[in-house]
C-alpha atoms as a PDB file:
ATOM      1  CA  UNK A   1     167.132 135.286  80.683  1.00  0.00           C
ATOM      2  CA  UNK A   2     170.289 133.972  78.921  1.00  0.00           C
ATOM      3  CA  UNK A   3     171.527 130.468  79.619  1.00  0.00           C
ATOM      4  CA  UNK A   4     174.804 128.664  78.909  1.00  0.00           C
ATOM      5  CA  UNK A   5     174.205 128.377  75.140  1.00  0.00           C
ATOM      6  CA  UNK A   6     173.982 132.134  74.640  1.00  0.00           C
ATOM      7  CA  UNK A   7     170.268 132.044  73.656  1.00  0.00           C
ATOM      8  CA  UNK A   8     167.306 133.428  75.548  1.00  0.00           C
ATOM      9  CA  UNK A   9     164.173 131.449  76.376  1.00  0.00           C
ATOM     10  CA  UNK A  10     162.178 133.192  73.614  1.00  0.00           C
ATOM     11  CA  UNK A  11     164.824 132.240  71.003  1.00  0.00           C
ATOM     12  CA  UNK A  12     164.771 128.608  72.073  1.00  0.00           C
ATOM     13  CA  UNK A  13     160.895 128.508  71.879  1.00  0.00           C
ATOM     14  CA  UNK A  14     160.921 129.951  68.326  1.00  0.00           C
ATOM     15  CA  UNK A  15     158.420 132.787  68.758  1.00  0.00           C
ATOM     16  CA  UNK A  16     158.872 136.217  67.177  1.00  0.00           C
ATOM     17  CA  UNK A  17     157.813 138.108  70.285  1.00  0.00           C
ATOM     18  CA  UNK A  18     156.527 137.418  73.751  1.00  0.00           C
ATOM     19  CA  UNK A  19     152.731 137.262  74.156  1.00  0.00           C
ATOM     20  CA  UNK A  20     151.262 140.369  75.680  1.00  0.00           C
ATOM     21  CA  UNK A  21     149.429 140.193  78.994  1.00  0.00           C
ATOM     22  CA  UNK A  22     145.885 141.441  78.313  1.00  0.00           C
ATOM     23  CA  UNK A  23     144.399 141.104  81.760  1.00  0.00           C
ATOM     24  CA  UNK A  24     147.127 142.906  83.633  1.00  0.00           C
ATOM     25  CA  UNK A  25     145.701 146.042  85.304  1.00  0.00           C
ATOM     26  CA  UNK A  26     142.059 145.332  84.235  1.00  0.00           C
ATOM     27  CA  UNK A  27     139.222 145.858  86.657  1.00  0.00           C
ATOM     28  CA  UNK A  28     137.723 142.668  88.053  1.00  0.00           C
ATOM     29  CA  UNK A  29     134.133 142.094  87.098  1.00  0.00           C
ATOM     30  CA  UNK A  30     132.162 139.238  88.682  1.00  0.00           C
ATOM     31  CA  UNK A  31     130.830 136.536  86.415  1.00  0.00           C
ATOM     32  CA  UNK A  32     127.291 137.048  87.711  1.00  0.00           C
ATOM     33  CA  UNK A  33     127.246 140.823  87.108  1.00  0.00           C
ATOM     34  CA  UNK A  34     128.373 140.691  83.480  1.00  0.00           C
ATOM     35  CA  UNK A  35     125.705 141.546  80.857  1.00  0.00           C
ATOM     36  CA  UNK A  36     124.713 138.815  78.430  1.00  0.00           C
ATOM     37  CA  UNK A  37     125.376 140.975  75.364  1.00  0.00           C
ATOM     38  CA  UNK A  38     127.593 143.993  76.037  1.00  0.00           C
ATOM     39  CA  UNK A  39     127.300 145.386  72.483  1.00  0.00           C
ATOM     40  CA  UNK A  40     123.507 145.521  72.724  1.00  0.00           C
ATOM     41  CA  UNK A  41     123.620 147.875  75.695  1.00  0.00           C
ATOM     42  CA  UNK A  42     126.087 150.437  74.350  1.00  0.00           C
ATOM     43  CA  UNK A  43     124.627 151.886  71.129  1.00  0.00           C
ATOM     44  CA  UNK A  44     121.078 152.743  70.051  1.00  0.00           C
ATOM     45  CA  UNK A  45     118.629 149.833  70.274  1.00  0.00           C
ATOM     46  CA  UNK A  46     116.071 148.619  67.678  1.00  0.00           C
ATOM     47  CA  UNK A  47     112.520 149.559  68.672  1.00  0.00           C
ATOM     48  CA  UNK A  48     110.001 147.473  66.666  1.00  0.00           C
ATOM     49  CA  UNK A  49     106.959 149.355  67.933  1.00  0.00           C
ATOM     50  CA  UNK A  50     105.183 146.568  69.821  1.00  0.00           C
ATOM     51  CA  UNK A  51     102.986 143.699  68.615  1.00  0.00           C
ATOM     52  CA  UNK A  52      99.918 144.303  66.448  1.00  0.00           C
ATOM     53  CA  UNK A  53      96.569 142.576  66.908  1.00  0.00           C
ATOM     54  CA  UNK A  54      94.453 141.381  63.991  1.00  0.00           C
ATOM     55  CA  UNK A  55      91.342 143.532  63.573  1.00  0.00           C
ATOM     56  CA  UNK A  56      89.186 145.219  60.933  1.00  0.00           C
ATOM     57  CA  UNK A  57      91.190 148.413  61.369  1.00  0.00           C
ATOM     58  CA  UNK A  58      94.171 149.262  59.238  1.00  0.00           C
ATOM     59  CA  UNK A  59      96.470 149.061  62.274  1.00  0.00           C
ATOM     60  CA  UNK A  60      96.148 145.273  62.159  1.00  0.00           C
ATOM     61  CA  UNK A  61      97.911 145.035  58.790  1.00  0.00           C
ATOM     62  CA  UNK A  62     101.475 145.734  57.754  1.00  0.00           C
ATOM     63  CA  UNK A  63     100.604 148.200  54.958  1.00  0.00           C
ATOM     64  CA  UNK A  64      99.511 151.783  55.704  1.00  0.00           C
ATOM     65  CA  UNK A  65      96.427 151.427  53.403  1.00  0.00           C
ATOM     66  CA  UNK A  66      94.306 148.558  52.100  1.00  0.00           C
ATOM     67  CA  UNK A  67      95.777 147.061  48.893  1.00  0.00           C
ATOM     68  CA  UNK A  68      93.483 145.321  46.412  1.00  0.00           C
ATOM     69  CA  UNK A  69      94.478 142.161  44.592  1.00  0.00           C
ATOM     70  CA  UNK A  70      93.105 143.297  41.250  1.00  0.00           C
ATOM     71  CA  UNK A  71      93.110 146.978  40.362  1.00  0.00           C
ATOM     72  CA  UNK A  72      90.174 148.282  38.277  1.00  0.00           C
ATOM     73  CA  UNK A  73      87.939 145.154  38.277  1.00  0.00           C
ATOM     74  CA  UNK A  74      84.143 145.643  38.218  1.00  0.00           C
ATOM     75  CA  UNK A  75      81.589 144.624  40.827  1.00  0.00           C
ATOM     76  CA  UNK A  76      79.751 141.406  40.033  1.00  0.00           C
ATOM     77  CA  UNK A  77      76.394 140.442  41.586  1.00  0.00           C
ATOM     78  CA  UNK A  78      76.172 136.663  41.938  1.00  0.00           C
ATOM     79  CA  UNK A  79      72.341 136.630  41.990  1.00  0.00           C
ATOM     80  CA  UNK A  80      72.239 138.497  38.703  1.00  0.00           C
ATOM     81  CA  UNK A  81      74.697 136.049  37.112  1.00  0.00           C
ATOM     82  CA  UNK A  82      72.624 133.070  38.351  1.00  0.00           C
ATOM     83  CA  UNK A  83      69.372 134.501  36.928  1.00  0.00           C
ATOM     84  CA  UNK A  84      71.009 135.239  33.584  1.00  0.00           C
ATOM     85  CA  UNK A  85      72.172 131.619  33.363  1.00  0.00           C
ATOM     86  CA  UNK A  86      68.633 130.354  34.120  1.00  0.00           C
ATOM     87  CA  UNK A  87      67.167 132.535  31.366  1.00  0.00           C
ATOM     88  CA  UNK A  88      69.669 131.203  28.819  1.00  0.00           C
ATOM     89  CA  UNK A  89      68.839 127.636  29.771  1.00  0.00           C
ATOM     90  CA  UNK A  90      65.067 128.327  29.508  1.00  0.00           C
ATOM     91  CA  UNK A  91      65.472 129.488  25.872  1.00  0.00           C
ATOM     92  CA  UNK A  92      66.590 125.989  24.914  1.00  0.00           C
ATOM     93  CA  UNK A  93      63.129 124.509  25.748  1.00  0.00           C
ATOM     94  CA  UNK A  94      61.075 123.835  22.573  1.00  0.00           C
ATOM     95  CA  UNK A  95      57.633 123.836  24.210  1.00  0.00           C
ATOM     96  CA  UNK A  96      55.924 124.053  27.513  1.00  0.00           C
ATOM     97  CA  UNK A  97      56.782 121.952  30.499  1.00  0.00           C
ATOM     98  CA  UNK A  98      55.471 118.360  30.464  1.00  0.00           C
ATOM     99  CA  UNK A  99      52.336 117.773  32.514  1.00  0.00           C
ATOM    100  CA  UNK A 100      50.764 114.282  32.944  1.00  0.00           C
ATOM    101  CA  UNK A 101      47.203 113.767  31.594  1.00  0.00           C
ATOM    102  CA  UNK A 102      45.842 112.535  34.900  1.00  0.00           C
ATOM    103  CA  UNK A 103      46.892 113.080  38.472  1.00  0.00           C
ATOM    104  CA  UNK A 104      48.489 110.542  40.799  1.00  0.00           C
ATOM    105  CA  UNK A 105      46.283 107.651  41.852  1.00  0.00           C
ATOM    106  CA  UNK A 106      46.071 106.804  45.534  1.00  0.00           C
ATOM    107  CA  UNK A 107      45.644 103.381  47.102  1.00  0.00           C
ATOM    108  CA  UNK A 108      42.229 102.622  48.517  1.00  0.00           C
ATOM    109  CA  UNK A 109      43.142  99.682  50.758  1.00  0.00           C
ATOM    110  CA  UNK A 110      45.616  96.976  51.602  1.00  0.00           C
ATOM    111  CA  UNK A 111      46.113  94.498  48.762  1.00  0.00           C
ATOM    112  CA  UNK A 112      44.338  96.631  46.102  1.00  0.00           C
ATOM    113  CA  UNK A 113      45.933  97.303  42.727  1.00  0.00           C
ATOM    114  CA  UNK A 114      44.233 100.654  42.178  1.00  0.00           C
ATOM    115  CA  UNK A 115      46.824 103.278  41.415  1.00  0.00           C
ATOM    116  CA  UNK A 116      49.397 100.891  39.884  1.00  0.00           C
ATOM    117  CA  UNK A 117      50.545 100.818  36.276  1.00  0.00           C
ATOM    118  CA  UNK A 118      49.972  97.103  35.688  1.00  0.00           C
ATOM    119  CA  UNK A 119      47.068  94.771  36.431  1.00  0.00           C
ATOM    120  CA  UNK A 120      46.685  92.367  39.340  1.00  0.00           C
ATOM    121  CA  UNK A 121      49.339  89.669  39.493  1.00  0.00           C
ATOM    122  CA  UNK A 122      47.738  86.192  39.258  1.00  0.00           C
ATOM    123  CA  UNK A 123      50.413  84.655  41.461  1.00  0.00           C
ATOM    124  CA  UNK A 124      49.265  86.781  44.423  1.00  0.00           C
ATOM    125  CA  UNK A 125      45.610  85.812  43.973  1.00  0.00           C
ATOM    126  CA  UNK A 126      43.688  84.986  47.176  1.00  0.00           C
ATOM    127  CA  UNK A 127      41.682  82.146  45.507  1.00  0.00           C
ATOM    128  CA  UNK A 128      42.602  78.638  46.669  1.00  0.00           C
ATOM    129  CA  UNK A 129      44.150  76.288  44.139  1.00  0.00           C
ATOM    130  CA  UNK A 130      42.576  72.889  43.429  1.00  0.00           C
ATOM    131  CA  UNK A 131      44.107  70.159  45.585  1.00  0.00           C
ATOM    132  CA  UNK A 132      43.846  66.392  45.645  1.00  0.00           C
ATOM    133  CA  UNK A 133      41.723  64.698  48.262  1.00  0.00           C
ATOM    134  CA  UNK A 134      43.652  63.825  51.419  1.00  0.00           C
ATOM    135  CA  UNK A 135      43.859  60.173  52.243  1.00  0.00           C
ATOM    136  CA  UNK A 136      45.214  59.417  55.697  1.00  0.00           C
ATOM    137  CA  UNK A 137      47.877  56.710  55.888  1.00  0.00           C
ATOM    138  CA  UNK A 138      47.095  53.315  57.469  1.00  0.00           C
ATOM    139  CA  UNK A 139      47.508  52.593  61.167  1.00  0.00           C
ATOM    140  CA  UNK A 140      50.563  50.952  62.648  1.00  0.00           C
ATOM    141  CA  UNK A 141      50.663  47.278  63.565  1.00  0.00           C
ATOM    142  CA  UNK A 142      49.346  46.653  67.091  1.00  0.00           C
ATOM    143  CA  UNK A 143      50.190  43.415  68.903  1.00  0.00           C
ATOM    144  CA  UNK A 144      48.307  44.188  72.106  1.00  0.00           C
ATOM    145  CA  UNK A 145      46.016  47.082  73.101  1.00  0.00           C
ATOM    146  CA  UNK A 146      47.645  49.818  75.164  1.00  0.00           C
ATOM    147  CA  UNK A 147      47.227  49.836  78.916  1.00  0.00           C
ATOM    148  CA  UNK A 148      45.380  52.705  80.494  1.00  0.00           C
ATOM    149  CA  UNK A 149      46.877  54.741  83.287  1.00  0.00           C
ATOM    150  CA  UNK A 150      50.123  56.623  83.951  1.00  0.00           C
ATOM    151  CA  UNK A 151      51.733  53.883  86.074  1.00  0.00           C
ATOM    152  CA  UNK A 152      51.420  55.653  89.431  1.00  0.00           C
ATOM    153  CA  UNK A 153      48.408  54.401  91.382  1.00  0.00           C
ATOM    154  CA  UNK A 154      47.246  51.975  88.670  1.00  0.00           C
ATOM    155  CA  UNK A 155      47.662  48.212  88.824  1.00  0.00           C
ATOM    156  CA  UNK A 156      49.023  45.987  86.051  1.00  0.00           C
ATOM    157  CA  UNK A 157      50.305  48.814  83.808  1.00  0.00           C
ATOM    158  CA  UNK A 158      54.059  48.121  84.091  1.00  0.00           C
ATOM    159  CA  UNK A 159      56.209  45.910  81.850  1.00  0.00           C
ATOM    160  CA  UNK A 160      57.018  43.377  84.595  1.00  0.00           C
ATOM    161  CA  UNK A 161      54.855  41.739  87.234  1.00  0.00           C
ATOM    162  CA  UNK A 162      53.090  43.686  89.904  1.00  0.00           C
ATOM    163  CA  UNK A 163      54.920  44.048  93.228  1.00  0.00           C
ATOM    164  CA  UNK A 164      53.514  42.014  96.093  1.00  0.00           C
ATOM    165  CA  UNK A 165      52.239  43.837  99.183  1.00  0.00           C
ATOM    166  CA  UNK A 166      54.375  43.545 102.314  1.00  0.00           C
ATOM    167  CA  UNK A 167      53.024  44.770 105.659  1.00  0.00           C
ATOM    168  CA  UNK A 168      55.271  47.170 107.581  1.00  0.00           C
ATOM    169  CA  UNK A 169      54.470  47.349 111.304  1.00  0.00           C
ATOM    170  CA  UNK A 170      54.536  50.701 113.066  1.00  0.00           C
ATOM    171  CA  UNK A 171      56.733  49.487 115.995  1.00  0.00           C
ATOM    172  CA  UNK A 172      58.983  47.220 113.917  1.00  0.00           C
ATOM    173  CA  UNK A 173      62.198  48.882 115.140  1.00  0.00           C
ATOM    174  CA  UNK A 174      61.102  48.653 118.775  1.00  0.00           C
ATOM    175  CA  UNK A 175      60.195  44.968 118.448  1.00  0.00           C
ATOM    176  CA  UNK A 176      63.478  44.137 116.739  1.00  0.00           C
ATOM    177  CA  UNK A 177      65.433  45.884 119.497  1.00  0.00           C
ATOM    178  CA  UNK A 178      63.504  43.897 122.126  1.00  0.00           C
ATOM    179  CA  UNK A 179      64.269  40.595 120.398  1.00  0.00           C
ATOM    180  CA  UNK A 180      68.001  41.461 120.156  1.00  0.00           C
ATOM    181  CA  UNK A 181      68.073  42.356 123.861  1.00  0.00           C
ATOM    182  CA  UNK A 182      66.413  39.056 124.840  1.00  0.00           C
ATOM    183  CA  UNK A 183      68.850  37.120 122.673  1.00  0.00           C
ATOM    184  CA  UNK A 184      71.764  38.962 124.310  1.00  0.00           C
ATOM    185  CA  UNK A 185      70.579  38.089 127.849  1.00  0.00           C
ATOM    186  CA  UNK A 186      70.062  34.493 126.820  1.00  0.00           C
ATOM    187  CA  UNK A 187      73.688  34.171 125.719  1.00  0.00           C
ATOM    188  CA  UNK A 188      75.068  35.639 128.997  1.00  0.00           C
ATOM    189  CA  UNK A 189      76.569  33.176 131.531  1.00  0.00           C
ATOM    190  CA  UNK A 190      76.560  33.927 135.267  1.00  0.00           C
ATOM    191  CA  UNK A 191      76.057  37.202 137.093  1.00  0.00           C
ATOM    192  CA  UNK A 192      77.829  40.508 136.393  1.00  0.00           C
ATOM    193  CA  UNK A 193      81.431  40.844 137.599  1.00  0.00           C
ATOM    194  CA  UNK A 194      81.799  42.521 141.025  1.00  0.00           C
ATOM    195  CA  UNK A 195      84.925  43.407 143.046  1.00  0.00           C
ATOM    196  CA  UNK A 196      85.412  42.315 146.684  1.00  0.00           C
ATOM    197  CA  UNK A 197      85.813  45.879 147.924  1.00  0.00           C
ATOM    198  CA  UNK A 198      83.038  45.871 150.478  1.00  0.00           C
ATOM    199  CA  UNK A 199      81.375  48.132 151.459  1.00  0.00           C
ATOM    200  CA  UNK A 200      82.456  50.336 148.552  1.00  0.00           C
ATOM    201  CA  UNK A 201      82.179  49.295 144.945  1.00  0.00           C
ATOM    202  CA  UNK A 202      84.769  50.213 142.337  1.00  0.00           C
ATOM    203  CA  UNK A 203      82.296  52.144 140.230  1.00  0.00           C
ATOM    204  CA  UNK A 204      80.162  54.512 142.269  1.00  0.00           C
ATOM    205  CA  UNK A 205      76.534  54.682 141.372  1.00  0.00           C
ATOM    206  CA  UNK A 206      76.458  58.382 142.279  1.00  0.00           C
ATOM    207  CA  UNK A 207      79.384  60.289 140.704  1.00  0.00           C
ATOM    208  CA  UNK A 208      78.599  63.347 142.882  1.00  0.00           C
ATOM    209  CA  UNK A 209      78.900  61.454 146.203  1.00  0.00           C
ATOM    210  CA  UNK A 210      81.017  63.305 148.793  1.00  0.00           C
ATOM    211  CA  UNK A 211      81.821  61.585 152.150  1.00  0.00           C
ATOM    212  CA  UNK A 212      83.286  64.602 153.974  1.00  0.00           C
ATOM    213  CA  UNK A 213      80.858  66.856 155.790  1.00  0.00           C
ATOM    214  CA  UNK A 214      80.026  70.098 154.090  1.00  0.00           C
ATOM    215  CA  UNK A 215      81.149  73.357 155.678  1.00  0.00           C
ATOM    216  CA  UNK A 216      78.516  75.515 157.354  1.00  0.00           C
ATOM    217  CA  UNK A 217      76.616  77.896 155.189  1.00  0.00           C
ATOM    218  CA  UNK A 218      77.957  81.423 155.310  1.00  0.00           C
ATOM    219  CA  UNK A 219      75.382  84.054 155.831  1.00  0.00           C
ATOM    220  CA  UNK A 220      75.776  87.206 153.822  1.00  0.00           C
ATOM    221  CA  UNK A 221      76.309  90.230 156.010  1.00  0.00           C
ATOM    222  CA  UNK A 222      73.703  92.847 155.525  1.00  0.00           C
ATOM    223  CA  UNK A 223      74.967  96.376 155.302  1.00  0.00           C
ATOM    224  CA  UNK A 224      73.058  98.930 157.201  1.00  0.00           C
ATOM    225  CA  UNK A 225      71.544 101.439 154.839  1.00  0.00           C
ATOM    226  CA  UNK A 226      72.077 105.063 155.775  1.00  0.00           C
ATOM    227  CA  UNK A 227      68.893 106.917 156.398  1.00  0.00           C
ATOM    228  CA  UNK A 228      70.079 110.324 155.161  1.00  0.00           C
ATOM    229  CA  UNK A 229      72.627 111.041 152.402  1.00  0.00           C
ATOM    230  CA  UNK A 230      76.014 112.510 153.325  1.00  0.00           C
ATOM    231  CA  UNK A 231      76.306 116.255 153.130  1.00  0.00           C
ATOM    232  CA  UNK A 232      79.546 118.188 153.701  1.00  0.00           C
ATOM    233  CA  UNK A 233      79.687 120.620 156.639  1.00  0.00           C
ATOM    234  CA  UNK A 234      80.582 123.553 154.425  1.00  0.00           C
ATOM    235  CA  UNK A 235      79.983 124.271 150.708  1.00  0.00           C
ATOM    236  CA  UNK A 236      82.678 123.513 148.149  1.00  0.00           C
ATOM    237  CA  UNK A 237      85.315 126.105 147.477  1.00  0.00           C
ATOM    238  CA  UNK A 238      85.484 127.706 144.052  1.00  0.00           C
ATOM    239  CA  UNK A 239      88.644 127.529 141.972  1.00  0.00           C
ATOM    240  CA  UNK A 240      90.547 130.768 141.556  1.00  0.00           C
ATOM    241  CA  UNK A 241      93.952 132.335 141.355  1.00  0.00           C
ATOM    242  CA  UNK A 242      94.255 132.775 145.103  1.00  0.00           C
ATOM    243  CA  UNK A 243      94.000 130.733 148.302  1.00  0.00           C
ATOM    244  CA  UNK A 244      90.171 130.832 148.222  1.00  0.00           C
ATOM    245  CA  UNK A 245      90.066 127.716 146.057  1.00  0.00           C
ATOM    246  CA  UNK A 246      92.521 125.631 148.120  1.00  0.00           C
ATOM    247  CA  UNK A 247      92.185 123.743 151.381  1.00  0.00           C
ATOM    248  CA  UNK A 248      95.237 125.356 153.014  1.00  0.00           C
ATOM    249  CA  UNK A 249      96.532 128.891 153.025  1.00  0.00           C
ATOM    250  CA  UNK A 250      98.700 130.075 150.153  1.00  0.00           C
ATOM    251  CA  UNK A 251     102.276 128.728 150.643  1.00  0.00           C
ATOM    252  CA  UNK A 252     105.117 131.172 151.200  1.00  0.00           C
ATOM    253  CA  UNK A 253     107.619 131.785 148.365  1.00  0.00           C
ATOM    254  CA  UNK A 254     110.974 130.028 148.608  1.00  0.00           C
ATOM    255  CA  UNK A 255     113.836 130.983 146.279  1.00  0.00           C
ATOM    256  CA  UNK A 256     115.136 127.884 144.461  1.00  0.00           C
ATOM    257  CA  UNK A 257     118.478 127.966 142.627  1.00  0.00           C
ATOM    258  CA  UNK A 258     118.062 127.619 138.866  1.00  0.00           C
ATOM    259  CA  UNK A 259     119.634 124.651 137.087  1.00  0.00           C
ATOM    260  CA  UNK A 260     120.402 122.471 140.136  1.00  0.00           C
ATOM    261  CA  UNK A 261     120.329 118.789 139.197  1.00  0.00           C
ATOM    262  CA  UNK A 262     118.736 116.373 141.599  1.00  0.00           C
ATOM    263  CA  UNK A 263     120.945 113.320 142.158  1.00  0.00           C
ATOM    264  CA  UNK A 264     119.370 110.141 143.402  1.00  0.00           C
ATOM    265  CA  UNK A 265     121.389 108.493 146.173  1.00  0.00           C
ATOM    266  CA  UNK A 266     120.989 104.728 146.349  1.00  0.00           C
ATOM    267  CA  UNK A 267     121.797 103.476 149.828  1.00  0.00           C
ATOM    268  CA  UNK A 268     121.717  99.708 149.256  1.00  0.00           C
ATOM    269  CA  UNK A 269     121.719  97.288 146.371  1.00  0.00           C
ATOM    270  CA  UNK A 270     118.149  96.230 147.022  1.00  0.00           C
ATOM    271  CA  UNK A 271     116.853  99.747 146.341  1.00  0.00           C
ATOM    272  CA  UNK A 272     118.094  99.775 142.736  1.00  0.00           C
ATOM    273  CA  UNK A 273     115.649  99.892 139.834  1.00  0.00           C
ATOM    274  CA  UNK A 274     114.968  96.482 138.361  1.00  0.00           C
ATOM    275  CA  UNK A 275     115.993  96.155 134.694  1.00  0.00           C
ATOM    276  CA  UNK A 276     114.836  92.898 133.079  1.00  0.00           C
ATOM    277  CA  UNK A 277     117.431  90.991 131.051  1.00  0.00           C
ATOM    278  CA  UNK A 278     117.240  90.967 127.290  1.00  0.00           C
ATOM    279  CA  UNK A 279     115.005  88.355 125.689  1.00  0.00           C
ATOM    280  CA  UNK A 280     116.195  85.539 123.466  1.00  0.00           C
ATOM    281  CA  UNK A 281     117.663  86.767 120.204  1.00  0.00           C
ATOM    282  CA  UNK A 282     116.933  85.098 116.917  1.00  0.00           C
ATOM    283  CA  UNK A 283     119.723  83.508 114.958  1.00  0.00           C
ATOM    284  CA  UNK A 284     119.934  81.756 111.612  1.00  0.00           C
ATOM    285  CA  UNK A 285     118.846  78.111 111.659  1.00  0.00           C
ATOM    286  CA  UNK A 286     119.561  75.409 109.136  1.00  0.00           C
ATOM    287  CA  UNK A 287     116.965  73.073 107.740  1.00  0.00           C
ATOM    288  CA  UNK A 288     116.832  69.352 108.538  1.00  0.00           C
ATOM    289  CA  UNK A 289     117.643  68.514 104.924  1.00  0.00           C
ATOM    290  CA  UNK A 290     120.864  70.583 105.062  1.00  0.00           C
ATOM    291  CA  UNK A 291     121.940  68.940 108.307  1.00  0.00           C
ATOM    292  CA  UNK A 292     121.379  65.457 106.866  1.00  0.00           C
ATOM    293  CA  UNK A 293     123.435  66.349 103.799  1.00  0.00           C
ATOM    294  CA  UNK A 294     126.312  67.614 105.968  1.00  0.00           C
ATOM    295  CA  UNK A 295     126.234  64.476 108.069  1.00  0.00           C
ATOM    296  CA  UNK A 296     126.208  62.122 105.066  1.00  0.00           C
ATOM    297  CA  UNK A 297     128.715  64.161 103.032  1.00  0.00           C
ATOM    298  CA  UNK A 298     131.915  65.253 104.780  1.00  0.00           C
ATOM    299  CA  UNK A 299     135.512  66.085 103.954  1.00  0.00           C
ATOM    300  CA  UNK A 300     136.539  62.402 104.003  1.00  0.00           C
ATOM    301  CA  UNK A 301     134.001  60.889 101.613  1.00  0.00           C
ATOM    302  CA  UNK A 302     133.051  63.796  99.292  1.00  0.00           C
ATOM    303  CA  UNK A 303     135.207  62.326  96.475  1.00  0.00           C
ATOM    304  CA  UNK A 304     133.882  58.781  96.669  1.00  0.00           C
ATOM    305  CA  UNK A 305     130.236  59.661  97.364  1.00  0.00           C
ATOM    306  CA  UNK A 306     127.875  59.597  94.386  1.00  0.00           C
ATOM    307  CA  UNK A 307     124.694  61.511  93.717  1.00  0.00           C
ATOM    308  CA  UNK A 308     122.558  58.345  93.405  1.00  0.00           C
ATOM    309  CA  UNK A 309     123.252  57.310  97.014  1.00  0.00           C
ATOM    310  CA  UNK A 310     121.209  60.345  98.166  1.00  0.00           C
END
């Protein structure tokens, strides 16, 4: 549309022509229903013929017939080539094959040299070599003959003197206790201390003494045993879907309205349901060390206080 300058919008933009609207009037196609490749579904498709499996048949190969690597080569038998090579090698021998004059010698026993190339080795000879006569060395210097015995149960075999025998009485502990008791009574002065609480002493001789009279002994009531077991007057009724299995006759049907809520009417305060109060609830607690720090360090002395004072 023209404006005050005399130029249209397209002339001010600088384009040769207005862009055409491609999608105007096109049919809407959903994004999910569009084919992945539209060109592949319009013309004739490429049919490769399916996959081939490897086998001894010609269908397993790409070529229509079996192609040889070398055309016109002859058949070669490997056994024939091997035999021909052995015959050529045998022509190089000047005479017959070497055979030893005698056969192999076998050993006749352990330590024998029969069957070996050399003779017996003198170093391994079993004969004893001449040795000098053995002269035992002299005895050590003895200052005193050794004492016989192991030390346990033998007298005078230890380094020090023999221990003297001391008699140990069988009732030594009992006799010592008796002497200590007599010495204790000898050191006592006067009679034992007694309180003037006649006729009752402070310490009772009988700890289970009871001055009050005991109540009369209660006799256990014997229950009379019934001679005959109890038997009901009529046999038990069997359970069933009718009044035969109940004590009373089948109750009559009463139509109850559906969905009526039962409201509980509380007449007095005492008839209310008891609800216990809530228990103690936990809360964060501070340690003793933190409390001591807050008491010693406050807003008035935090500048003058030093770390060493704590």
